[in-house]
Amino acid sequence: MSITRIVVIAATLALAACASSPRYVAADSATDYGYYSRKISENRYRVNFNGNRSTSLEDTRDYALLRAAQLTLEHDYEWFRIVDRETSTTESREPHSEIGYERAYYVQDSCGLLTCTRSVRPATFTHMEFDASRPETRHSQSIEIVMGKGTPPEDGDFYDAQEVVKSIYASA
């Protein structure tokens, strides 16, 4: 068994362990939570990672890189270069409403010249609150990668797929 195959198998097992985490999951479409990738050409892919409200911007970037490294190793390439990157952050307000009531009693004393009478009447107070100020922020990272084998580019503008997997998997 060649060294390359052993490394690919080890990386795939490491990614499988990471993929079992609920934070790094496959998405059904490009707009769902998780990673999604689409082949553009033989060695070129578009990789998306959409976070949920608890996913940080840094995690969306890391998970997009992790998916790019995973694809690179799955297709027997060694390194990849990012040729296009897009980060988007959307903030929406999640409305919050509350309706409540309070039961109280009015006590009224009526006094005349000789006697006083007391009457007790029930009363219900209602209140309604609507608050649209709770922001919900979601981040998304989209990268287009070109994968390569052999000697990486001289300008150093590339990612070693094995190193990305080790680094991100260790911090997850």
C-alpha atoms as a PDB file:
ATOM      1  CA  MET A   1       0.000   0.000   0.000  1.00  0.00           C
ATOM      2  CA  SER A   2       1.494   3.344  -0.992  1.00  0.00           C
ATOM      3  CA  ILE A   3       2.194   6.152   1.445  1.00  0.00           C
ATOM      4  CA  THR A   4      -0.289   8.392  -0.393  1.00  0.00           C
ATOM      5  CA  ARG A   5      -3.118   5.892   0.081  1.00  0.00           C
ATOM      6  CA  ILE A   6      -2.296   5.516   3.779  1.00  0.00           C
ATOM      7  CA  VAL A   7      -2.324   9.290   4.231  1.00  0.00           C
ATOM      8  CA  VAL A   8      -5.619   9.618   2.338  1.00  0.00           C
ATOM      9  CA  ILE A   9      -7.195   6.869   4.447  1.00  0.00           C
ATOM     10  CA  ALA A  10      -5.930   8.471   7.673  1.00  0.00           C
ATOM     11  CA  ALA A  11      -7.197  11.872   6.600  1.00  0.00           C
ATOM     12  CA  THR A  12     -10.557  10.406   5.624  1.00  0.00           C
ATOM     13  CA  LEU A  13     -10.862   8.718   9.033  1.00  0.00           C
ATOM     14  CA  ALA A  14      -9.964  11.981  10.752  1.00  0.00           C
ATOM     15  CA  LEU A  15     -12.540  13.807   8.676  1.00  0.00           C
ATOM     16  CA  ALA A  16     -15.134  11.153   9.406  1.00  0.00           C
ATOM     17  CA  ALA A  17     -14.580  11.726  13.112  1.00  0.00           C
ATOM     18  CA  CYS A  18     -14.902  15.461  12.603  1.00  0.00           C
ATOM     19  CA  ALA A  19     -17.947  15.025  10.387  1.00  0.00           C
ATOM     20  CA  SER A  20     -19.720  13.188  13.204  1.00  0.00           C
ATOM     21  CA  SER A  21     -19.668  16.437  15.148  1.00  0.00           C
ATOM     22  CA  PRO A  22     -22.995  18.246  14.846  1.00  0.00           C
ATOM     23  CA  ARG A  23     -21.149  21.463  13.917  1.00  0.00           C
ATOM     24  CA  TYR A  24     -19.579  20.067  10.730  1.00  0.00           C
ATOM     25  CA  VAL A  25     -22.309  18.397   8.715  1.00  0.00           C
ATOM     26  CA  ALA A  26     -23.235  17.971   5.072  1.00  0.00           C
ATOM     27  CA  ALA A  27     -25.980  20.238   3.742  1.00  0.00           C
ATOM     28  CA  ASP A  28     -28.768  19.102   1.441  1.00  0.00           C
ATOM     29  CA  SER A  29     -28.434  22.229  -0.699  1.00  0.00           C
ATOM     30  CA  ALA A  30     -26.215  25.291  -1.032  1.00  0.00           C
ATOM     31  CA  THR A  31     -28.482  27.318   1.268  1.00  0.00           C
ATOM     32  CA  ASP A  32     -28.887  24.801   4.124  1.00  0.00           C
ATOM     33  CA  TYR A  33     -26.759  24.642   7.278  1.00  0.00           C
ATOM     34  CA  GLY A  34     -23.460  22.823   6.799  1.00  0.00           C
ATOM     35  CA  TYR A  35     -21.027  22.245   3.948  1.00  0.00           C
ATOM     36  CA  TYR A  36     -21.956  21.890   0.326  1.00  0.00           C
ATOM     37  CA  SER A  37     -19.670  21.540  -2.669  1.00  0.00           C
ATOM     38  CA  ARG A  38     -20.173  21.612  -6.399  1.00  0.00           C
ATOM     39  CA  LYS A  39     -17.754  20.470  -9.092  1.00  0.00           C
ATOM     40  CA  ILE A  40     -16.955  23.175 -11.636  1.00  0.00           C
ATOM     41  CA  SER A  41     -14.311  21.345 -13.667  1.00  0.00           C
ATOM     42  CA  GLU A  42     -11.910  18.419 -13.248  1.00  0.00           C
ATOM     43  CA  ASN A  43      -9.846  20.056 -10.485  1.00  0.00           C
ATOM     44  CA  ARG A  44     -12.022  23.038  -9.569  1.00  0.00           C
ATOM     45  CA  TYR A  45     -14.789  23.152  -6.947  1.00  0.00           C
ATOM     46  CA  ARG A  46     -17.069  25.680  -5.275  1.00  0.00           C
ATOM     47  CA  VAL A  47     -17.260  24.975  -1.528  1.00  0.00           C
ATOM     48  CA  ASN A  48     -19.884  26.581   0.747  1.00  0.00           C
ATOM     49  CA  PHE A  49     -20.293  26.431   4.483  1.00  0.00           C
ATOM     50  CA  ASN A  50     -23.380  28.042   5.983  1.00  0.00           C
ATOM     51  CA  GLY A  51     -23.440  28.508   9.724  1.00  0.00           C
ATOM     52  CA  ASN A  52     -26.378  28.678  12.044  1.00  0.00           C
ATOM     53  CA  ARG A  53     -26.935  31.339  14.704  1.00  0.00           C
ATOM     54  CA  SER A  54     -24.350  29.765  17.013  1.00  0.00           C
ATOM     55  CA  THR A  55     -21.607  29.329  14.385  1.00  0.00           C
ATOM     56  CA  SER A  56     -18.924  32.018  14.468  1.00  0.00           C
ATOM     57  CA  LEU A  57     -17.485  33.654  11.374  1.00  0.00           C
ATOM     58  CA  GLU A  58     -14.133  32.014  12.111  1.00  0.00           C
ATOM     59  CA  ASP A  59     -15.739  28.563  12.273  1.00  0.00           C
ATOM     60  CA  THR A  60     -17.499  29.047   8.921  1.00  0.00           C
ATOM     61  CA  ARG A  61     -14.147  29.935   7.345  1.00  0.00           C
ATOM     62  CA  ASP A  62     -12.410  26.968   8.961  1.00  0.00           C
ATOM     63  CA  TYR A  63     -15.118  24.518   7.928  1.00  0.00           C
ATOM     64  CA  ALA A  64     -15.044  25.741   4.320  1.00  0.00           C
ATOM     65  CA  LEU A  65     -11.269  25.170   4.324  1.00  0.00           C
ATOM     66  CA  LEU A  66     -11.742  21.758   5.928  1.00  0.00           C
ATOM     67  CA  ARG A  67     -14.205  20.725   3.228  1.00  0.00           C
ATOM     68  CA  ALA A  68     -11.818  22.009   0.529  1.00  0.00           C
ATOM     69  CA  ALA A  69      -9.002  19.928   2.038  1.00  0.00           C
ATOM     70  CA  GLN A  70     -11.299  16.904   2.248  1.00  0.00           C
ATOM     71  CA  LEU A  71     -12.223  17.190  -1.437  1.00  0.00           C
ATOM     72  CA  THR A  72      -8.576  17.630  -2.373  1.00  0.00           C
ATOM     73  CA  LEU A  73      -7.547  14.430  -0.600  1.00  0.00           C
ATOM     74  CA  GLU A  74     -10.586  12.469  -1.864  1.00  0.00           C
ATOM     75  CA  HIS A  75      -9.589  13.243  -5.455  1.00  0.00           C
ATOM     76  CA  ASP A  76      -5.915  12.287  -4.912  1.00  0.00           C
ATOM     77  CA  TYR A  77      -4.619  15.855  -5.015  1.00  0.00           C
ATOM     78  CA  GLU A  78      -2.145  17.255  -2.499  1.00  0.00           C
ATOM     79  CA  TRP A  79      -2.755  20.993  -2.307  1.00  0.00           C
ATOM     80  CA  PHE A  80      -5.353  23.565  -3.264  1.00  0.00           C
ATOM     81  CA  ARG A  81      -5.450  27.259  -4.044  1.00  0.00           C
ATOM     82  CA  ILE A  82      -8.359  29.602  -3.328  1.00  0.00           C
ATOM     83  CA  VAL A  83      -9.161  31.568  -6.478  1.00  0.00           C
ATOM     84  CA  ASP A  84     -12.350  33.243  -5.255  1.00  0.00           C
ATOM     85  CA  ARG A  85     -13.724  33.886  -1.777  1.00  0.00           C
ATOM     86  CA  GLU A  86     -16.987  35.364  -0.574  1.00  0.00           C
ATOM     87  CA  THR A  87     -18.068  35.907   3.003  1.00  0.00           C
ATOM     88  CA  SER A  88     -21.558  36.977   3.876  1.00  0.00           C
ATOM     89  CA  THR A  89     -23.166  37.843   7.159  1.00  0.00           C
ATOM     90  CA  THR A  90     -26.893  38.240   7.519  1.00  0.00           C
ATOM     91  CA  GLU A  91     -28.583  39.662  10.545  1.00  0.00           C
ATOM     92  CA  SER A  92     -32.248  39.212  11.143  1.00  0.00           C
ATOM     93  CA  ARG A  93     -34.426  40.057  14.042  1.00  0.00           C
ATOM     94  CA  GLU A  94     -36.271  37.233  15.681  1.00  0.00           C
ATOM     95  CA  PRO A  95     -39.538  38.625  16.998  1.00  0.00           C
ATOM     96  CA  HIS A  96     -40.462  37.887  20.568  1.00  0.00           C
ATOM     97  CA  SER A  97     -43.957  38.353  21.906  1.00  0.00           C
ATOM     98  CA  GLU A  98     -45.505  37.836  25.286  1.00  0.00           C
ATOM     99  CA  ILE A  99     -49.071  37.992  26.472  1.00  0.00           C
ATOM    100  CA  GLY A 100     -49.934  37.887  30.151  1.00  0.00           C
ATOM    101  CA  TYR A 101     -52.656  38.649  32.600  1.00  0.00           C
ATOM    102  CA  GLU A 102     -52.952  39.469  36.252  1.00  0.00           C
ATOM    103  CA  ARG A 103     -55.879  38.827  38.508  1.00  0.00           C
ATOM    104  CA  ALA A 104     -56.521  41.456  41.201  1.00  0.00           C
ATOM    105  CA  TYR A 105     -59.327  42.531  43.526  1.00  0.00           C
ATOM    106  CA  TYR A 106     -60.650  46.019  44.076  1.00  0.00           C
ATOM    107  CA  VAL A 107     -61.690  46.769  47.610  1.00  0.00           C
ATOM    108  CA  GLN A 108     -64.036  49.713  48.020  1.00  0.00           C
ATOM    109  CA  ASP A 109     -65.242  51.140  51.297  1.00  0.00           C
ATOM    110  CA  SER A 110     -68.403  53.247  51.286  1.00  0.00           C
ATOM    111  CA  CYS A 111     -69.168  55.025  54.487  1.00  0.00           C
ATOM    112  CA  GLY A 112     -72.341  56.823  55.337  1.00  0.00           C
ATOM    113  CA  LEU A 113     -73.360  58.670  58.486  1.00  0.00           C
ATOM    114  CA  LEU A 114     -73.795  55.610  60.653  1.00  0.00           C
ATOM    115  CA  THR A 115     -72.211  52.597  58.907  1.00  0.00           C
ATOM    116  CA  CYS A 116     -69.621  51.552  56.361  1.00  0.00           C
ATOM    117  CA  THR A 117     -69.933  48.864  53.752  1.00  0.00           C
ATOM    118  CA  ARG A 118     -67.087  47.153  51.989  1.00  0.00           C
ATOM    119  CA  SER A 119     -67.371  45.652  48.540  1.00  0.00           C
ATOM    120  CA  VAL A 120     -64.779  43.463  46.799  1.00  0.00           C
ATOM    121  CA  ARG A 121     -64.769  43.203  43.007  1.00  0.00           C
ATOM    122  CA  PRO A 122     -62.479  41.012  40.906  1.00  0.00           C
ATOM    123  CA  ALA A 123     -60.542  42.604  38.051  1.00  0.00           C
ATOM    124  CA  THR A 124     -58.273  41.182  35.346  1.00  0.00           C
ATOM    125  CA  PHE A 125     -55.459  43.137  33.756  1.00  0.00           C
ATOM    126  CA  THR A 126     -53.842  41.991  30.525  1.00  0.00           C
ATOM    127  CA  HIS A 127     -50.610  43.084  28.947  1.00  0.00           C
ATOM    128  CA  MET A 128     -48.974  42.357  25.621  1.00  0.00           C
ATOM    129  CA  GLU A 129     -45.326  42.853  24.742  1.00  0.00           C
ATOM    130  CA  PHE A 130     -43.746  42.648  21.297  1.00  0.00           C
ATOM    131  CA  ASP A 131     -39.976  42.934  20.953  1.00  0.00           C
ATOM    132  CA  ALA A 132     -38.261  42.688  17.577  1.00  0.00           C
ATOM    133  CA  SER A 133     -34.829  43.707  18.839  1.00  0.00           C
ATOM    134  CA  ARG A 134     -33.246  40.285  19.299  1.00  0.00           C
ATOM    135  CA  PRO A 135     -30.751  40.034  16.440  1.00  0.00           C
ATOM    136  CA  GLU A 136     -29.842  36.706  14.895  1.00  0.00           C
ATOM    137  CA  THR A 137     -26.569  36.661  12.957  1.00  0.00           C
ATOM    138  CA  ARG A 138     -25.614  33.946  10.477  1.00  0.00           C
ATOM    139  CA  HIS A 139     -22.356  33.684   8.582  1.00  0.00           C
ATOM    140  CA  SER A 140     -21.629  31.974   5.293  1.00  0.00           C
ATOM    141  CA  GLN A 141     -18.353  31.276   3.536  1.00  0.00           C
ATOM    142  CA  SER A 142     -18.026  30.385  -0.129  1.00  0.00           C
ATOM    143  CA  ILE A 143     -14.686  29.576  -1.758  1.00  0.00           C
ATOM    144  CA  GLU A 144     -13.698  28.422  -5.207  1.00  0.00           C
ATOM    145  CA  ILE A 145     -10.646  26.183  -5.207  1.00  0.00           C
ATOM    146  CA  VAL A 146      -8.257  24.739  -7.765  1.00  0.00           C
ATOM    147  CA  MET A 147      -6.570  21.499  -6.685  1.00  0.00           C
ATOM    148  CA  GLY A 148      -3.087  20.384  -7.656  1.00  0.00           C
ATOM    149  CA  LYS A 149      -0.486  17.631  -7.324  1.00  0.00           C
ATOM    150  CA  GLY A 150       3.267  17.654  -7.044  1.00  0.00           C
ATOM    151  CA  THR A 151       5.244  20.821  -6.553  1.00  0.00           C
ATOM    152  CA  PRO A 152       3.041  23.606  -5.200  1.00  0.00           C
ATOM    153  CA  PRO A 153       3.104  27.112  -6.692  1.00  0.00           C
ATOM    154  CA  GLU A 154       6.276  29.118  -6.015  1.00  0.00           C
ATOM    155  CA  ASP A 155       4.363  32.146  -4.779  1.00  0.00           C
ATOM    156  CA  GLY A 156       3.270  30.199  -1.694  1.00  0.00           C
ATOM    157  CA  ASP A 157      -0.406  30.971  -2.326  1.00  0.00           C
ATOM    158  CA  PHE A 158      -1.668  27.461  -1.624  1.00  0.00           C
ATOM    159  CA  TYR A 159      -2.898  25.219   1.185  1.00  0.00           C
ATOM    160  CA  ASP A 160      -1.426  21.793   1.928  1.00  0.00           C
ATOM    161  CA  ALA A 161      -4.567  19.648   2.282  1.00  0.00           C
ATOM    162  CA  GLN A 162      -3.095  17.324   4.918  1.00  0.00           C
ATOM    163  CA  GLU A 163      -1.913  20.254   7.048  1.00  0.00           C
ATOM    164  CA  VAL A 164      -5.342  21.921   6.871  1.00  0.00           C
ATOM    165  CA  VAL A 165      -7.055  18.730   8.020  1.00  0.00           C
ATOM    166  CA  LYS A 166      -4.606  18.270  10.903  1.00  0.00           C
ATOM    167  CA  SER A 167      -4.793  21.891  11.985  1.00  0.00           C
ATOM    168  CA  ILE A 168      -8.577  22.330  11.880  1.00  0.00           C
ATOM    169  CA  TYR A 169      -9.312  18.877  13.236  1.00  0.00           C
ATOM    170  CA  ALA A 170      -6.978  19.525  16.190  1.00  0.00           C
ATOM    171  CA  SER A 171      -8.756  22.783  17.053  1.00  0.00           C
ATOM    172  CA  ALA A 172     -12.310  21.396  16.645  1.00  0.00           C
END
